[in-house]
Amino acid sequence: MSTIWFKKIGWFYIPTSIIGSIITLFAIAFCVTVFVAIDRKSHSVSDTLYGIFPYVISAFTVLFWIANNTSIKNK
């Protein structure tokens, strides 16, 4: 039994279920929290970007991996 949580549209995955929406919201909330925490002690825009980069890339890599494995496969 496979579950479809996301639908691929172009390069992006759109959540099609409650679980997909929750996972997407958790990833966005995590990125916002990281941004606020790192921006608090940064002295410039580049400090903030360098600080959040590893967290944001990791979060969205995991999100896209989950979306790829739980989406409709186009043939």
N, C-alpha and C. Protein backbone atom coordinates (compact mmCIF):
# COMPACT_ATOMS: atom_id res chain seq x y z
N MET A 1 0.84 -1.16 0.00
CA MET A 1 0.00 0.00 0.00
C MET A 1 0.89 1.24 0.00
N SER A 2 0.69 2.10 -0.97
CA SER A 2 1.48 3.32 -1.02
C SER A 2 0.58 4.52 -0.72
N THR A 3 1.15 5.47 -0.04
CA THR A 3 0.42 6.69 0.28
C THR A 3 0.95 7.82 -0.59
N ILE A 4 0.05 8.63 -1.07
CA ILE A 4 0.42 9.78 -1.89
C ILE A 4 0.25 11.03 -1.02
N TRP A 5 1.37 11.64 -0.63
CA TRP A 5 1.34 12.83 0.20
C TRP A 5 1.59 14.09 -0.61
N PHE A 6 2.29 13.94 -1.76
CA PHE A 6 2.68 15.09 -2.57
C PHE A 6 2.37 14.83 -4.04
N LYS A 7 2.26 15.91 -4.80
CA LYS A 7 2.08 15.84 -6.24
C LYS A 7 3.17 16.69 -6.88
N LYS A 8 3.86 16.13 -7.86
CA LYS A 8 4.94 16.86 -8.51
C LYS A 8 4.37 17.73 -9.63
N ILE A 9 4.69 19.03 -9.55
CA ILE A 9 4.30 19.98 -10.59
C ILE A 9 5.57 20.70 -11.01
N GLY A 10 6.07 20.35 -12.19
CA GLY A 10 7.34 20.93 -12.63
C GLY A 10 8.48 20.45 -11.75
N TRP A 11 9.19 21.39 -11.15
CA TRP A 11 10.29 21.05 -10.24
C TRP A 11 9.85 20.99 -8.79
N PHE A 12 8.62 21.33 -8.51
CA PHE A 12 8.16 21.47 -7.14
C PHE A 12 7.19 20.36 -6.76
N TYR A 13 7.10 20.12 -5.46
CA TYR A 13 6.15 19.16 -4.91
C TYR A 13 5.11 19.93 -4.11
N ILE A 14 3.84 19.68 -4.40
CA ILE A 14 2.74 20.32 -3.71
C ILE A 14 2.08 19.29 -2.80
N PRO A 15 1.88 19.62 -1.51
CA PRO A 15 1.23 18.65 -0.62
C PRO A 15 -0.22 18.40 -1.03
N THR A 16 -0.60 17.14 -1.06
CA THR A 16 -1.97 16.77 -1.43
C THR A 16 -2.72 16.10 -0.28
N SER A 17 -2.07 15.98 0.87
CA SER A 17 -2.73 15.37 2.02
C SER A 17 -2.40 16.18 3.27
N ILE A 18 -3.07 15.85 4.34
CA ILE A 18 -2.84 16.53 5.62
C ILE A 18 -1.41 16.27 6.10
N ILE A 19 -0.94 15.05 5.96
CA ILE A 19 0.41 14.70 6.42
C ILE A 19 1.45 15.47 5.62
N GLY A 20 1.27 15.58 4.31
CA GLY A 20 2.19 16.35 3.49
C GLY A 20 2.21 17.81 3.87
N SER A 21 1.04 18.37 4.17
CA SER A 21 0.96 19.77 4.60
C SER A 21 1.64 19.97 5.95
N ILE A 22 1.46 19.05 6.86
CA ILE A 22 2.09 19.15 8.18
C ILE A 22 3.60 19.08 8.06
N ILE A 23 4.11 18.17 7.26
CA ILE A 23 5.56 18.05 7.07
C ILE A 23 6.12 19.33 6.46
N THR A 24 5.42 19.90 5.48
CA THR A 24 5.87 21.13 4.85
C THR A 24 5.86 22.28 5.85
N LEU A 25 4.81 22.38 6.66
CA LEU A 25 4.75 23.44 7.67
C LEU A 25 5.83 23.30 8.73
N PHE A 26 6.15 22.06 9.13
CA PHE A 26 7.24 21.85 10.07
C PHE A 26 8.58 22.29 9.50
N ALA A 27 8.82 22.00 8.24
CA ALA A 27 10.08 22.41 7.60
C ALA A 27 10.18 23.93 7.55
N ILE A 28 9.08 24.59 7.18
CA ILE A 28 9.09 26.06 7.12
C ILE A 28 9.25 26.66 8.52
N ALA A 29 8.55 26.10 9.50
CA ALA A 29 8.66 26.60 10.88
C ALA A 29 10.09 26.42 11.40
N PHE A 30 10.71 25.30 11.09
CA PHE A 30 12.10 25.07 11.49
C PHE A 30 13.02 26.12 10.88
N CYS A 31 12.84 26.40 9.59
CA CYS A 31 13.69 27.39 8.91
C CYS A 31 13.49 28.79 9.49
N VAL A 32 12.26 29.15 9.81
CA VAL A 32 12.00 30.47 10.41
C VAL A 32 12.64 30.56 11.79
N THR A 33 12.54 29.50 12.57
CA THR A 33 13.15 29.49 13.91
C THR A 33 14.66 29.62 13.82
N VAL A 34 15.27 28.90 12.91
CA VAL A 34 16.71 28.99 12.72
C VAL A 34 17.10 30.40 12.28
N PHE A 35 16.34 30.98 11.37
CA PHE A 35 16.62 32.33 10.90
C PHE A 35 16.60 33.33 12.06
N VAL A 36 15.56 33.26 12.89
CA VAL A 36 15.44 34.19 14.01
C VAL A 36 16.59 34.01 14.99
N ALA A 37 16.95 32.76 15.29
CA ALA A 37 18.02 32.50 16.25
C ALA A 37 19.38 32.98 15.73
N ILE A 38 19.65 32.76 14.47
CA ILE A 38 20.95 33.15 13.92
C ILE A 38 21.00 34.64 13.64
N ASP A 39 19.90 35.22 13.19
CA ASP A 39 19.88 36.65 12.88
C ASP A 39 20.04 37.50 14.13
N ARG A 40 19.67 36.97 15.27
CA ARG A 40 19.77 37.72 16.52
C ARG A 40 21.22 38.10 16.82
N LYS A 41 22.18 37.24 16.46
CA LYS A 41 23.58 37.50 16.80
C LYS A 41 24.43 37.87 15.59
N SER A 42 23.83 38.00 14.43
CA SER A 42 24.58 38.34 13.23
C SER A 42 24.82 39.84 13.14
N HIS A 43 25.93 40.19 12.49
CA HIS A 43 26.28 41.60 12.33
C HIS A 43 25.97 42.11 10.93
N SER A 44 25.73 41.20 10.00
CA SER A 44 25.45 41.62 8.63
C SER A 44 24.57 40.59 7.94
N VAL A 45 24.13 40.94 6.76
CA VAL A 45 23.29 40.03 5.98
C VAL A 45 24.07 38.77 5.62
N SER A 46 25.34 38.94 5.27
CA SER A 46 26.13 37.77 4.88
C SER A 46 26.34 36.82 6.07
N ASP A 47 26.49 37.36 7.28
CA ASP A 47 26.58 36.49 8.46
C ASP A 47 25.32 35.65 8.61
N THR A 48 24.17 36.27 8.41
CA THR A 48 22.90 35.55 8.53
C THR A 48 22.80 34.47 7.45
N LEU A 49 23.13 34.82 6.21
CA LEU A 49 23.03 33.84 5.13
C LEU A 49 23.98 32.67 5.33
N TYR A 50 25.21 32.96 5.73
CA TYR A 50 26.16 31.88 5.99
C TYR A 50 25.72 31.02 7.17
N GLY A 51 25.06 31.61 8.14
CA GLY A 51 24.62 30.87 9.31
C GLY A 51 23.43 29.96 9.05
N ILE A 52 22.46 30.44 8.24
CA ILE A 52 21.26 29.64 8.02
C ILE A 52 21.41 28.64 6.89
N PHE A 53 22.38 28.84 6.02
CA PHE A 53 22.53 28.01 4.83
C PHE A 53 22.52 26.51 5.12
N PRO A 54 23.37 25.99 6.02
CA PRO A 54 23.38 24.53 6.23
C PRO A 54 22.06 23.98 6.75
N TYR A 55 21.37 24.74 7.59
CA TYR A 55 20.11 24.27 8.16
C TYR A 55 18.98 24.27 7.13
N VAL A 56 18.91 25.33 6.36
CA VAL A 56 17.83 25.44 5.37
C VAL A 56 18.02 24.39 4.27
N ILE A 57 19.24 24.24 3.79
CA ILE A 57 19.51 23.24 2.75
C ILE A 57 19.21 21.84 3.26
N SER A 58 19.61 21.54 4.48
CA SER A 58 19.34 20.22 5.05
C SER A 58 17.85 19.97 5.22
N ALA A 59 17.13 20.95 5.72
CA ALA A 59 15.69 20.79 5.95
C ALA A 59 14.95 20.55 4.63
N PHE A 60 15.27 21.34 3.61
CA PHE A 60 14.57 21.19 2.34
C PHE A 60 15.04 19.97 1.56
N THR A 61 16.27 19.51 1.79
CA THR A 61 16.71 18.25 1.18
C THR A 61 15.90 17.09 1.74
N VAL A 62 15.71 17.06 3.05
CA VAL A 62 14.90 16.01 3.67
C VAL A 62 13.44 16.12 3.20
N LEU A 63 12.91 17.34 3.13
CA LEU A 63 11.54 17.54 2.67
C LEU A 63 11.37 17.05 1.23
N PHE A 64 12.29 17.39 0.34
CA PHE A 64 12.19 16.95 -1.05
C PHE A 64 12.39 15.45 -1.18
N TRP A 65 13.22 14.84 -0.33
CA TRP A 65 13.40 13.39 -0.36
C TRP A 65 12.09 12.70 0.04
N ILE A 66 11.46 13.20 1.11
CA ILE A 66 10.18 12.63 1.53
C ILE A 66 9.13 12.82 0.44
N ALA A 67 9.09 14.02 -0.13
CA ALA A 67 8.10 14.31 -1.19
C ALA A 67 8.33 13.42 -2.41
N ASN A 68 9.57 13.19 -2.77
CA ASN A 68 9.87 12.34 -3.92
C ASN A 68 9.43 10.90 -3.69
N ASN A 69 9.60 10.42 -2.47
CA ASN A 69 9.25 9.04 -2.16
C ASN A 69 7.76 8.82 -1.90
N THR A 70 7.02 9.91 -1.72
CA THR A 70 5.58 9.77 -1.44
C THR A 70 4.74 10.53 -2.46
N SER A 71 5.23 10.64 -3.68
CA SER A 71 4.48 11.35 -4.72
C SER A 71 4.14 10.40 -5.86
N ILE A 72 3.28 10.87 -6.73
CA ILE A 72 2.92 10.10 -7.92
C ILE A 72 4.09 10.11 -8.87
N LYS A 73 4.48 8.94 -9.34
CA LYS A 73 5.60 8.84 -10.27
C LYS A 73 5.11 9.06 -11.69
N ASN A 74 5.70 10.05 -12.37
CA ASN A 74 5.37 10.31 -13.77
C ASN A 74 6.24 9.42 -14.66
N LYS A 75 5.61 8.80 -15.66
CA LYS A 75 6.36 7.91 -16.56
C LYS A 75 6.49 8.53 -17.91
